[in-house]
Amino acid sequence: MKSFLVIGMGRFGINLARKLTELGNEVMIVDHDSEKIDELAPEFTDSYIGDCTHEGVVRALGVENFDICFVSMGENFQASLMTTSILKSLGAKMVVSKANQPIQADLLKKIGADAVVYPEKEMAEKLAVQYSADNVFDYINLTGEYSIYETSILSSWAGKTIIELDIRNKYNINIIAVKPKNGVLMPLPGANYRFNETDHIVLIGKKEDVIKLK
């Protein structure tokens, strides 16, 4: 279990805080809007009403005691910058800030953010890749070149084994799991695994190779 501070209760901040709580972590939420905090407070370990662009407010939170502090005020970039800077100056162990544009990410990193996330950009890229190829059900970007995909098998693979199909050499992809119709994931299938026509595979590969495959 870890302890998290989530500052800014917009849609991203609320969903992040809820998921962190669902995973068994201690989560403190903060926002300057008292109505939001009053509504959300029963769901979380702790809550605080305050404007985190003021050092005194942030100091009162004891930020050095949290494993990770999230700054999710993407709609007010000036406030995000100020809050990120104050968190680092007061000894926050790790600060993850939300950005909407690359220039915002650059500025946040320059003033101390340990990591920057782009929820809207990442979702847009995921949807673009998912719908550019037939039957791609999920997608996780790893690097500029490589990603992880969940996809259905080619119909011609049914009844054949991984080694018979010579998948790695023929398609330039690596299968890291098989997901049969029952939905139970089978990690690292052996070379002699024989495909069923309803199987999904989880693979790692270059985007252009996966698009070509599908």
Protein backbone atom coordinates (compact mmCIF):
# COMPACT_ATOMS: atom_id res chain seq x y z
CA MET A 1 0.00 0.00 0.00
CA LYS A 2 1.21 3.49 -0.87
CA SER A 3 0.09 6.97 0.14
CA PHE A 4 -0.99 9.44 -2.52
CA LEU A 5 -1.89 13.11 -2.59
CA VAL A 6 -4.17 14.13 -5.46
CA ILE A 7 -4.53 17.88 -5.98
CA GLY A 8 -7.32 19.04 -8.26
CA MET A 9 -10.69 17.31 -8.41
CA GLY A 10 -11.54 17.63 -12.08
CA ARG A 11 -12.64 14.53 -13.98
CA PHE A 12 -9.09 13.21 -14.24
CA GLY A 13 -8.28 13.82 -10.58
CA ILE A 14 -11.51 12.22 -9.34
CA ASN A 15 -11.11 9.10 -11.47
CA LEU A 16 -7.43 8.79 -10.52
CA ALA A 17 -8.15 9.13 -6.81
CA ARG A 18 -10.98 6.61 -6.95
CA LYS A 19 -8.88 4.03 -8.77
CA LEU A 20 -5.97 4.47 -6.37
CA THR A 21 -8.37 3.93 -3.47
CA GLU A 22 -9.90 0.89 -5.15
CA LEU A 23 -6.39 -0.60 -5.38
CA GLY A 24 -6.03 -0.38 -1.60
CA ASN A 25 -3.94 2.77 -1.26
CA GLU A 26 -4.30 5.68 1.16
CA VAL A 27 -5.44 8.74 -0.79
CA MET A 28 -5.82 12.35 0.29
CA ILE A 29 -7.74 14.64 -2.05
CA VAL A 30 -7.41 18.43 -2.24
CA ASP A 31 -9.34 21.12 -4.09
CA HIS A 32 -10.16 24.78 -3.56
CA ASP A 33 -13.85 24.08 -4.23
CA SER A 34 -15.50 23.22 -0.91
CA GLU A 35 -18.60 21.75 -2.57
CA LYS A 36 -16.52 19.21 -4.49
CA ILE A 37 -14.62 18.16 -1.39
CA ASP A 38 -17.79 17.89 0.71
CA GLU A 39 -19.29 15.61 -1.95
CA LEU A 40 -16.20 13.41 -2.35
CA ALA A 41 -14.79 13.32 1.19
CA PRO A 42 -16.71 10.19 2.35
CA GLU A 43 -14.94 8.13 -0.33
CA PHE A 44 -11.37 8.88 0.77
CA THR A 45 -8.98 8.46 3.68
CA ASP A 46 -8.58 12.22 4.06
CA SER A 47 -9.56 15.43 2.28
CA TYR A 48 -8.63 19.09 2.43
CA ILE A 49 -10.11 22.33 1.11
CA GLY A 50 -7.46 24.79 0.01
CA ASP A 51 -5.72 26.66 -2.80
CA CYS A 52 -2.40 24.87 -3.41
CA THR A 53 -0.89 27.85 -5.22
CA HIS A 54 -0.22 29.17 -1.69
CA GLU A 55 2.80 27.69 0.06
CA GLY A 56 1.14 27.74 3.49
CA VAL A 57 -1.68 25.52 2.26
CA VAL A 58 0.70 22.98 0.72
CA ARG A 59 2.94 23.01 3.79
CA ALA A 60 -0.05 22.12 5.97
CA LEU A 61 -0.59 18.94 3.93
CA GLY A 62 2.73 17.41 5.02
CA VAL A 63 3.69 16.59 1.43
CA GLU A 64 6.94 14.88 2.42
CA ASN A 65 4.87 12.06 3.94
CA PHE A 66 3.28 10.98 0.64
CA ASP A 67 4.90 8.48 -1.71
CA ILE A 68 3.57 10.33 -4.77
CA CYS A 69 1.84 13.68 -5.26
CA PHE A 70 -0.36 14.16 -8.34
CA VAL A 71 -1.08 17.62 -9.70
CA SER A 72 -4.18 17.18 -11.84
CA MET A 73 -5.15 20.82 -12.43
CA GLY A 74 -4.71 20.65 -16.19
CA GLU A 75 -7.43 23.24 -16.86
CA ASN A 76 -5.51 25.96 -14.97
CA PHE A 77 -1.92 25.64 -16.13
CA GLN A 78 -0.57 28.55 -14.11
CA ALA A 79 -1.94 26.96 -10.94
CA SER A 80 -0.43 23.63 -11.98
CA LEU A 81 3.00 25.20 -12.45
CA MET A 82 2.90 26.98 -9.11
CA THR A 83 1.67 23.92 -7.23
CA THR A 84 4.29 21.65 -8.80
CA SER A 85 7.06 24.08 -7.89
CA ILE A 86 5.85 24.44 -4.31
CA LEU A 87 5.55 20.68 -3.84
CA LYS A 88 9.16 20.12 -4.90
CA SER A 89 10.45 23.01 -2.79
CA LEU A 90 8.76 21.51 0.28
CA GLY A 91 10.34 18.09 -0.19
CA ALA A 92 7.75 16.03 -2.04
CA LYS A 93 9.32 12.66 -2.92
CA MET A 94 7.75 12.41 -6.36
CA VAL A 95 5.51 14.82 -8.25
CA VAL A 96 3.46 13.71 -11.28
CA SER A 97 1.75 16.59 -13.10
CA LYS A 98 -0.95 16.63 -15.77
CA ALA A 99 -0.34 18.48 -19.04
CA ASN A 100 -2.43 19.13 -22.13
CA GLN A 101 0.35 20.21 -24.52
CA PRO A 102 4.07 19.41 -25.05
CA ILE A 103 5.09 22.95 -24.12
CA GLN A 104 3.31 22.54 -20.78
CA ALA A 105 5.17 19.29 -20.16
CA ASP A 106 8.51 20.99 -20.87
CA LEU A 107 7.77 23.78 -18.40
CA LEU A 108 6.52 21.41 -15.72
CA LYS A 109 9.71 19.34 -15.98
CA LYS A 110 11.88 22.45 -15.83
CA ILE A 111 10.33 23.56 -12.56
CA GLY A 112 10.67 20.13 -10.97
CA ALA A 113 7.97 17.64 -12.01
CA ASP A 114 9.37 14.11 -11.86
CA ALA A 115 6.90 12.89 -14.51
CA VAL A 116 4.22 14.39 -16.74
CA VAL A 117 1.09 12.66 -18.05
CA TYR A 118 -1.09 13.55 -21.05
CA PRO A 119 -4.44 11.76 -20.48
CA GLU A 120 -6.23 13.28 -23.49
CA LYS A 121 -3.26 12.83 -25.86
CA GLU A 122 -2.66 9.24 -24.76
CA MET A 123 -6.32 8.31 -25.14
CA ALA A 124 -6.46 9.92 -28.60
CA GLU A 125 -3.38 7.95 -29.73
CA LYS A 126 -4.81 4.73 -28.31
CA LEU A 127 -8.11 5.20 -30.15
CA ALA A 128 -6.33 6.09 -33.40
CA VAL A 129 -4.24 2.91 -33.31
CA GLN A 130 -7.15 0.74 -32.14
CA TYR A 131 -9.43 1.81 -34.97
CA SER A 132 -6.75 1.90 -37.67
CA ALA A 133 -6.57 -1.90 -37.60
CA ASP A 134 -9.31 -4.50 -37.60
CA ASN A 135 -9.98 -6.35 -34.33
CA VAL A 136 -7.46 -4.54 -32.11
CA PHE A 137 -9.09 -4.62 -28.67
CA ASP A 138 -6.47 -2.92 -26.52
CA TYR A 139 -3.20 -1.05 -26.96
CA ILE A 140 -0.41 0.09 -24.62
CA ASN A 141 2.37 2.28 -25.96
CA LEU A 142 5.85 1.34 -24.73
CA THR A 143 8.27 3.38 -26.87
CA GLY A 144 8.19 5.38 -30.08
CA GLU A 145 8.45 2.09 -32.00
CA TYR A 146 7.06 -0.73 -29.86
CA SER A 147 3.66 -1.29 -28.26
CA ILE A 148 1.58 -4.07 -26.71
CA TYR A 149 -1.68 -5.08 -28.41
CA GLU A 150 -4.58 -7.39 -27.73
CA THR A 151 -6.01 -8.68 -30.99
CA SER A 152 -7.82 -11.63 -32.49
CA ILE A 153 -5.79 -14.23 -34.37
CA LEU A 154 -5.82 -14.50 -38.14
CA SER A 155 -8.42 -17.04 -39.29
CA SER A 156 -5.65 -19.01 -41.02
CA TRP A 157 -3.93 -19.62 -37.66
CA ALA A 158 -6.76 -21.73 -36.20
CA GLY A 159 -5.68 -25.31 -35.56
CA LYS A 160 -1.98 -24.54 -35.98
CA THR A 161 0.78 -24.14 -33.43
CA ILE A 162 2.98 -21.13 -32.82
CA ILE A 163 6.05 -23.00 -34.06
CA GLU A 164 4.28 -24.23 -37.20
CA LEU A 165 3.31 -20.66 -38.09
CA ASP A 166 6.85 -19.35 -37.39
CA ILE A 167 5.17 -16.19 -36.10
CA ARG A 168 8.21 -14.32 -34.80
CA ASN A 169 10.15 -14.60 -38.06
CA LYS A 170 7.21 -14.28 -40.44
CA TYR A 171 5.36 -11.39 -38.79
CA ASN A 172 8.06 -9.66 -36.68
CA ILE A 173 5.96 -9.91 -33.51
CA ASN A 174 6.29 -11.70 -30.18
CA ILE A 175 3.28 -13.33 -28.51
CA ILE A 176 3.42 -12.74 -24.76
CA ALA A 177 0.01 -14.22 -23.84
CA VAL A 178 -3.03 -16.00 -25.25
CA LYS A 179 -6.57 -15.17 -24.14
CA PRO A 180 -8.97 -18.04 -24.96
CA LYS A 181 -12.74 -17.60 -25.23
CA ASN A 182 -13.15 -18.13 -21.47
CA GLY A 183 -11.13 -14.95 -20.88
CA VAL A 184 -8.47 -16.54 -18.64
CA LEU A 185 -5.12 -15.11 -19.72
CA MET A 186 -2.35 -17.64 -20.45
CA PRO A 187 1.04 -15.87 -20.18
CA LEU A 188 4.02 -16.95 -22.28
CA PRO A 189 2.43 -19.74 -24.35
CA GLY A 190 4.82 -22.48 -25.46
CA ALA A 191 5.86 -23.02 -29.06
CA ASN A 192 3.51 -26.02 -29.27
CA TYR A 193 0.39 -24.07 -28.27
CA ARG A 194 -2.33 -24.77 -30.84
CA PHE A 195 -4.68 -21.88 -31.62
CA ASN A 196 -8.46 -22.02 -31.42
CA GLU A 197 -10.42 -19.84 -33.82
CA THR A 198 -11.82 -17.69 -30.99
CA ASP A 199 -8.43 -16.98 -29.36
CA HIS A 200 -7.14 -13.50 -28.74
CA ILE A 201 -3.40 -12.88 -28.46
CA VAL A 202 -1.44 -10.27 -26.54
CA LEU A 203 1.61 -9.35 -28.57
CA ILE A 204 4.49 -6.92 -28.60
CA GLY A 205 5.70 -5.43 -31.85
CA LYS A 206 6.25 -2.37 -34.00
CA LYS A 207 3.12 -0.45 -34.89
CA GLU A 208 3.64 -0.81 -38.64
CA ASP A 209 4.06 -4.60 -38.34
CA VAL A 210 0.86 -4.96 -36.33
CA ILE A 211 -1.12 -2.75 -38.72
CA LYS A 212 0.21 -4.83 -41.61
CA LEU A 213 -0.73 -8.05 -39.82
CA LYS A 214 -4.30 -6.91 -39.18
